[in-house]
Amino acid sequence: IPFLVTSATFTPDMLNDSHQLLQIHSDQLLTVDCSTDHPNISIGVKKIEHPLTTYLDLAFLIPSGWKACD
């Protein structure tokens, strides 16, 4: 029975453990490893300046003039 196992955070050890736990044999396995090493993606850290319930500190993520139908 074919099935799919996905993870964005598996380490190589975790991947091996999942193979053993699920009894997946290497001759019946297809692994697709998509790198997250993209130069146009970065992590940013900003100090929270407004009350958490307002979400105002996330406003920079929404383009000016954005409408719900966009």
PDB file of N, CA and C in Angstrom:
ATOM      1  N   ILE A   1       0.859  -1.175   0.000  1.00  0.00           N
ATOM      2  CA  ILE A   1       0.000   0.000   0.000  1.00  0.00           C
ATOM      3  C   ILE A   1       0.904   1.236   0.000  1.00  0.00           C
ATOM      4  N   PRO A   2       0.842   2.060  -1.023  1.00  0.00           N
ATOM      5  CA  PRO A   2       1.664   3.277  -1.052  1.00  0.00           C
ATOM      6  C   PRO A   2       1.190   4.291  -0.011  1.00  0.00           C
ATOM      7  N   PHE A   3       2.137   4.997   0.566  1.00  0.00           N
ATOM      8  CA  PHE A   3       1.788   6.102   1.454  1.00  0.00           C
ATOM      9  C   PHE A   3       2.883   7.143   1.404  1.00  0.00           C
ATOM     10  N   LEU A   4       2.575   8.312   1.954  1.00  0.00           N
ATOM     11  CA  LEU A   4       3.462   9.466   1.890  1.00  0.00           C
ATOM     12  C   LEU A   4       3.805   9.927   3.293  1.00  0.00           C
ATOM     13  N   VAL A   5       5.082  10.170   3.533  1.00  0.00           N
ATOM     14  CA  VAL A   5       5.552  10.736   4.794  1.00  0.00           C
ATOM     15  C   VAL A   5       6.220  12.057   4.448  1.00  0.00           C
ATOM     16  N   THR A   6       5.798  13.133   5.089  1.00  0.00           N
ATOM     17  CA  THR A   6       6.397  14.441   4.809  1.00  0.00           C
ATOM     18  C   THR A   6       6.840  15.110   6.096  1.00  0.00           C
ATOM     19  N   SER A   7       7.857  15.926   5.978  1.00  0.00           N
ATOM     20  CA  SER A   7       8.320  16.733   7.098  1.00  0.00           C
ATOM     21  C   SER A   7       9.203  17.844   6.561  1.00  0.00           C
ATOM     22  N   ALA A   8       9.081  18.998   7.163  1.00  0.00           N
ATOM     23  CA  ALA A   8       9.962  20.111   6.811  1.00  0.00           C
ATOM     24  C   ALA A   8      11.147  20.183   7.760  1.00  0.00           C
ATOM     25  N   THR A   9      11.146  19.330   8.788  1.00  0.00           N
ATOM     26  CA  THR A   9      12.163  19.469   9.829  1.00  0.00           C
ATOM     27  C   THR A   9      12.892  18.180  10.177  1.00  0.00           C
ATOM     28  N   PHE A  10      12.683  17.101   9.445  1.00  0.00           N
ATOM     29  CA  PHE A  10      13.372  15.845   9.749  1.00  0.00           C
ATOM     30  C   PHE A  10      14.883  16.014   9.633  1.00  0.00           C
ATOM     31  N   THR A  11      15.581  15.579  10.649  1.00  0.00           N
ATOM     32  CA  THR A  11      17.031  15.451  10.548  1.00  0.00           C
ATOM     33  C   THR A  11      17.308  14.104   9.883  1.00  0.00           C
ATOM     34  N   PRO A  12      18.527  13.863   9.404  1.00  0.00           N
ATOM     35  CA  PRO A  12      18.820  12.540   8.827  1.00  0.00           C
ATOM     36  C   PRO A  12      18.533  11.395   9.803  1.00  0.00           C
ATOM     37  N   ASP A  13      18.844  11.585  11.082  1.00  0.00           N
ATOM     38  CA  ASP A  13      18.561  10.539  12.076  1.00  0.00           C
ATOM     39  C   ASP A  13      17.061  10.307  12.229  1.00  0.00           C
ATOM     40  N   MET A  14      16.295  11.380  12.245  1.00  0.00           N
ATOM     41  CA  MET A  14      14.840  11.241  12.361  1.00  0.00           C
ATOM     42  C   MET A  14      14.262  10.539  11.136  1.00  0.00           C
ATOM     43  N   LEU A  15      14.810  10.835   9.973  1.00  0.00           N
ATOM     44  CA  LEU A  15      14.356  10.183   8.750  1.00  0.00           C
ATOM     45  C   LEU A  15      14.624   8.684   8.816  1.00  0.00           C
ATOM     46  N   ASN A  16      15.818   8.303   9.255  1.00  0.00           N
ATOM     47  CA  ASN A  16      16.145   6.879   9.411  1.00  0.00           C
ATOM     48  C   ASN A  16      15.243   6.213  10.435  1.00  0.00           C
ATOM     49  N   ASP A  17      14.995   6.901  11.549  1.00  0.00           N
ATOM     50  CA  ASP A  17      14.104   6.347  12.574  1.00  0.00           C
ATOM     51  C   ASP A  17      12.699   6.120  12.019  1.00  0.00           C
ATOM     52  N   SER A  18      12.216   7.065  11.212  1.00  0.00           N
ATOM     53  CA  SER A  18      10.873   6.912  10.643  1.00  0.00           C
ATOM     54  C   SER A  18      10.821   5.723   9.686  1.00  0.00           C
ATOM     55  N   HIS A  19      11.902   5.490   8.938  1.00  0.00           N
ATOM     56  CA  HIS A  19      11.950   4.331   8.040  1.00  0.00           C
ATOM     57  C   HIS A  19      11.846   3.040   8.843  1.00  0.00           C
ATOM     58  N   GLN A  20      12.575   2.974   9.941  1.00  0.00           N
ATOM     59  CA  GLN A  20      12.547   1.765  10.769  1.00  0.00           C
ATOM     60  C   GLN A  20      11.182   1.589  11.422  1.00  0.00           C
ATOM     61  N   LEU A  21      10.645   2.659  11.969  1.00  0.00           N
ATOM     62  CA  LEU A  21       9.355   2.585  12.652  1.00  0.00           C
ATOM     63  C   LEU A  21       8.241   2.153  11.701  1.00  0.00           C
ATOM     64  N   LEU A  22       8.272   2.689  10.488  1.00  0.00           N
ATOM     65  CA  LEU A  22       7.232   2.381   9.507  1.00  0.00           C
ATOM     66  C   LEU A  22       7.565   1.163   8.650  1.00  0.00           C
ATOM     67  N   GLN A  23       8.724   0.543   8.919  1.00  0.00           N
ATOM     68  CA  GLN A  23       9.179  -0.641   8.191  1.00  0.00           C
ATOM     69  C   GLN A  23       9.225  -0.391   6.681  1.00  0.00           C
ATOM     70  N   ILE A  24       9.827   0.741   6.321  1.00  0.00           N
ATOM     71  CA  ILE A  24      10.003   1.092   4.913  1.00  0.00           C
ATOM     72  C   ILE A  24      11.356   0.556   4.464  1.00  0.00           C
ATOM     73  N   HIS A  25      11.357  -0.278   3.454  1.00  0.00           N
ATOM     74  CA  HIS A  25      12.594  -0.854   2.929  1.00  0.00           C
ATOM     75  C   HIS A  25      13.184   0.069   1.871  1.00  0.00           C
ATOM     76  N   SER A  26      14.495   0.199   1.865  1.00  0.00           N
ATOM     77  CA  SER A  26      15.165   1.144   0.970  1.00  0.00           C
ATOM     78  C   SER A  26      14.898   0.860  -0.506  1.00  0.00           C
ATOM     79  N   ASP A  27      14.645  -0.397  -0.866  1.00  0.00           N
ATOM     80  CA  ASP A  27      14.370  -0.711  -2.272  1.00  0.00           C
ATOM     81  C   ASP A  27      12.959  -0.301  -2.700  1.00  0.00           C
ATOM     82  N   GLN A  28      12.140   0.114  -1.733  1.00  0.00           N
ATOM     83  CA  GLN A  28      10.775   0.553  -2.025  1.00  0.00           C
ATOM     84  C   GLN A  28      10.561   2.001  -1.593  1.00  0.00           C
ATOM     85  N   LEU A  29      11.646   2.755  -1.540  1.00  0.00           N
ATOM     86  CA  LEU A  29      11.599   4.102  -0.984  1.00  0.00           C
ATOM     87  C   LEU A  29      12.003   5.133  -2.026  1.00  0.00           C
ATOM     88  N   LEU A  30      11.254   6.202  -2.103  1.00  0.00           N
ATOM     89  CA  LEU A  30      11.624   7.360  -2.909  1.00  0.00           C
ATOM     90  C   LEU A  30      11.727   8.545  -1.962  1.00  0.00           C
ATOM     91  N   THR A  31      12.906   9.138  -1.874  1.00  0.00           N
ATOM     92  CA  THR A  31      13.120  10.297  -1.014  1.00  0.00           C
ATOM     93  C   THR A  31      13.331  11.524  -1.887  1.00  0.00           C
ATOM     94  N   VAL A  32      12.578  12.574  -1.611  1.00  0.00           N
ATOM     95  CA  VAL A  32      12.729  13.845  -2.316  1.00  0.00           C
ATOM     96  C   VAL A  32      13.157  14.869  -1.280  1.00  0.00           C
ATOM     97  N   ASP A  33      14.342  15.413  -1.451  1.00  0.00           N
ATOM     98  CA  ASP A  33      14.892  16.384  -0.503  1.00  0.00           C
ATOM     99  C   ASP A  33      14.986  17.734  -1.204  1.00  0.00           C
ATOM    100  N   CYS A  34      14.138  18.655  -0.813  1.00  0.00           N
ATOM    101  CA  CYS A  34      14.125  19.995  -1.411  1.00  0.00           C
ATOM    102  C   CYS A  34      14.813  20.960  -0.454  1.00  0.00           C
ATOM    103  N   SER A  35      15.890  21.515  -0.890  1.00  0.00           N
ATOM    104  CA  SER A  35      16.667  22.422  -0.054  1.00  0.00           C
ATOM    105  C   SER A  35      15.885  23.692   0.258  1.00  0.00           C
ATOM    106  N   THR A  36      16.099  24.207   1.444  1.00  0.00           N
ATOM    107  CA  THR A  36      15.516  25.498   1.819  1.00  0.00           C
ATOM    108  C   THR A  36      16.558  26.594   1.754  1.00  0.00           C
ATOM    109  N   ASP A  37      17.672  26.317   1.098  1.00  0.00           N
ATOM    110  CA  ASP A  37      18.744  27.301   0.975  1.00  0.00           C
ATOM    111  C   ASP A  37      18.460  28.205  -0.225  1.00  0.00           C
ATOM    112  N   HIS A  38      17.637  29.195  -0.001  1.00  0.00           N
ATOM    113  CA  HIS A  38      17.262  30.138  -1.055  1.00  0.00           C
ATOM    114  C   HIS A  38      17.726  31.536  -0.651  1.00  0.00           C
ATOM    115  N   PRO A  39      18.497  32.212  -1.497  1.00  0.00           N
ATOM    116  CA  PRO A  39      19.028  33.526  -1.130  1.00  0.00           C
ATOM    117  C   PRO A  39      17.957  34.605  -0.985  1.00  0.00           C
ATOM    118  N   ASN A  40      16.769  34.385  -1.537  1.00  0.00           N
ATOM    119  CA  ASN A  40      15.723  35.399  -1.434  1.00  0.00           C
ATOM    120  C   ASN A  40      14.821  35.198  -0.216  1.00  0.00           C
ATOM    121  N   ILE A  41      15.153  34.234   0.641  1.00  0.00           N
ATOM    122  CA  ILE A  41      14.393  33.987   1.865  1.00  0.00           C
ATOM    123  C   ILE A  41      15.311  34.217   3.052  1.00  0.00           C
ATOM    124  N   SER A  42      14.822  34.962   4.023  1.00  0.00           N
ATOM    125  CA  SER A  42      15.636  35.221   5.209  1.00  0.00           C
ATOM    126  C   SER A  42      14.753  35.243   6.450  1.00  0.00           C
ATOM    127  N   ILE A  43      15.391  35.136   7.587  1.00  0.00           N
ATOM    128  CA  ILE A  43      14.703  35.214   8.869  1.00  0.00           C
ATOM    129  C   ILE A  43      14.905  36.612   9.415  1.00  0.00           C
ATOM    130  N   GLY A  44      13.832  37.209   9.878  1.00  0.00           N
ATOM    131  CA  GLY A  44      13.925  38.536  10.469  1.00  0.00           C
ATOM    132  C   GLY A  44      13.383  38.521  11.884  1.00  0.00           C
ATOM    133  N   VAL A  45      13.994  39.285  12.751  1.00  0.00           N
ATOM    134  CA  VAL A  45      13.557  39.392  14.141  1.00  0.00           C
ATOM    135  C   VAL A  45      13.294  40.855  14.433  1.00  0.00           C
ATOM    136  N   LYS A  46      12.109  41.139  14.955  1.00  0.00           N
ATOM    137  CA  LYS A  46      11.753  42.513  15.294  1.00  0.00           C
ATOM    138  C   LYS A  46      11.221  42.545  16.722  1.00  0.00           C
ATOM    139  N   LYS A  47      11.512  43.607  17.412  1.00  0.00           N
ATOM    140  CA  LYS A  47      11.002  43.797  18.769  1.00  0.00           C
ATOM    141  C   LYS A  47       9.502  44.091  18.704  1.00  0.00           C
ATOM    142  N   ILE A  48       8.732  43.468  19.587  1.00  0.00           N
ATOM    143  CA  ILE A  48       7.298  43.729  19.666  1.00  0.00           C
ATOM    144  C   ILE A  48       7.097  45.082  20.329  1.00  0.00           C
ATOM    145  N   GLU A  49       6.362  45.955  19.655  1.00  0.00           N
ATOM    146  CA  GLU A  49       6.152  47.309  20.157  1.00  0.00           C
ATOM    147  C   GLU A  49       4.701  47.601  20.506  1.00  0.00           C
ATOM    148  N   HIS A  50       3.775  46.793  20.033  1.00  0.00           N
ATOM    149  CA  HIS A  50       2.347  47.020  20.258  1.00  0.00           C
ATOM    150  C   HIS A  50       1.755  45.840  21.027  1.00  0.00           C
ATOM    151  N   PRO A  51       0.580  46.020  21.638  1.00  0.00           N
ATOM    152  CA  PRO A  51      -0.053  44.891  22.327  1.00  0.00           C
ATOM    153  C   PRO A  51      -0.254  43.713  21.365  1.00  0.00           C
ATOM    154  N   LEU A  52      -0.023  42.505  21.851  1.00  0.00           N
ATOM    155  CA  LEU A  52      -0.118  41.317  21.003  1.00  0.00           C
ATOM    156  C   LEU A  52      -1.488  41.167  20.351  1.00  0.00           C
ATOM    157  N   THR A  53      -2.534  41.572  21.049  1.00  0.00           N
ATOM    158  CA  THR A  53      -3.888  41.396  20.520  1.00  0.00           C
ATOM    159  C   THR A  53      -4.191  42.307  19.337  1.00  0.00           C
ATOM    160  N   THR A  54      -3.349  43.306  19.074  1.00  0.00           N
ATOM    161  CA  THR A  54      -3.601  44.220  17.952  1.00  0.00           C
ATOM    162  C   THR A  54      -2.986  43.729  16.649  1.00  0.00           C
ATOM    163  N   TYR A  55      -1.984  42.884  16.720  1.00  0.00           N
ATOM    164  CA  TYR A  55      -1.255  42.388  15.546  1.00  0.00           C
ATOM    165  C   TYR A  55      -0.608  43.509  14.731  1.00  0.00           C
ATOM    166  N   LEU A  56      -0.490  44.701  15.306  1.00  0.00           N
ATOM    167  CA  LEU A  56       0.082  45.837  14.582  1.00  0.00           C
ATOM    168  C   LEU A  56       1.539  45.615  14.197  1.00  0.00           C
ATOM    169  N   ASP A  57       2.244  44.802  14.944  1.00  0.00           N
ATOM    170  CA  ASP A  57       3.649  44.546  14.620  1.00  0.00           C
ATOM    171  C   ASP A  57       3.805  43.691  13.359  1.00  0.00           C
ATOM    172  N   LEU A  58       2.711  43.136  12.868  1.00  0.00           N
ATOM    173  CA  LEU A  58       2.754  42.348  11.636  1.00  0.00           C
ATOM    174  C   LEU A  58       2.283  43.145  10.422  1.00  0.00           C
ATOM    175  N   ALA A  59       1.903  44.390  10.631  1.00  0.00           N
ATOM    176  CA  ALA A  59       1.346  45.215   9.552  1.00  0.00           C
ATOM    177  C   ALA A  59       2.315  45.377   8.382  1.00  0.00           C
ATOM    178  N   PHE A  60       3.616  45.338   8.646  1.00  0.00           N
ATOM    179  CA  PHE A  60       4.597  45.508   7.568  1.00  0.00           C
ATOM    180  C   PHE A  60       4.528  44.375   6.537  1.00  0.00           C
ATOM    181  N   LEU A  61       3.883  43.274   6.886  1.00  0.00           N
ATOM    182  CA  LEU A  61       3.770  42.138   5.967  1.00  0.00           C
ATOM    183  C   LEU A  61       2.662  42.320   4.925  1.00  0.00           C
ATOM    184  N   ILE A  62       1.758  43.265   5.174  1.00  0.00           N
ATOM    185  CA  ILE A  62       0.618  43.477   4.282  1.00  0.00           C
ATOM    186  C   ILE A  62       0.883  44.716   3.436  1.00  0.00           C
ATOM    187  N   PRO A  63       0.880  44.577   2.122  1.00  0.00           N
ATOM    188  CA  PRO A  63       1.162  45.721   1.254  1.00  0.00           C
ATOM    189  C   PRO A  63       0.155  46.852   1.447  1.00  0.00           C
ATOM    190  N   SER A  64       0.612  48.071   1.319  1.00  0.00           N
ATOM    191  CA  SER A  64      -0.253  49.238   1.421  1.00  0.00           C
ATOM    192  C   SER A  64      -1.318  49.179   0.326  1.00  0.00           C
ATOM    193  N   GLY A  65      -2.563  49.426   0.695  1.00  0.00           N
ATOM    194  CA  GLY A  65      -3.656  49.403  -0.269  1.00  0.00           C
ATOM    195  C   GLY A  65      -4.230  48.021  -0.529  1.00  0.00           C
ATOM    196  N   TRP A  66      -3.784  47.014   0.210  1.00  0.00           N
ATOM    197  CA  TRP A  66      -4.274  45.648   0.008  1.00  0.00           C
ATOM    198  C   TRP A  66      -5.753  45.561   0.332  1.00  0.00           C
ATOM    199  N   LYS A  67      -6.492  44.782  -0.465  1.00  0.00           N
ATOM    200  CA  LYS A  67      -7.919  44.539  -0.236  1.00  0.00           C
ATOM    201  C   LYS A  67      -8.136  43.039  -0.133  1.00  0.00           C
ATOM    202  N   ALA A  68      -9.181  42.647   0.574  1.00  0.00           N
ATOM    203  CA  ALA A  68      -9.445  41.225   0.822  1.00  0.00           C
ATOM    204  C   ALA A  68      -9.582  40.415  -0.463  1.00  0.00           C
ATOM    205  N   CYS A  69     -10.016  41.017  -1.534  1.00  0.00           N
ATOM    206  CA  CYS A  69     -10.192  40.264  -2.783  1.00  0.00           C
ATOM    207  C   CYS A  69      -8.888  40.129  -3.563  1.00  0.00           C
ATOM    208  N   ASP A  70      -7.804  40.743  -3.087  1.00  0.00           N
ATOM    209  CA  ASP A  70      -6.517  40.662  -3.796  1.00  0.00           C
ATOM    210  C   ASP A  70      -6.023  39.270  -3.685  1.00  0.00           C
TER     211      ASP A  70
END
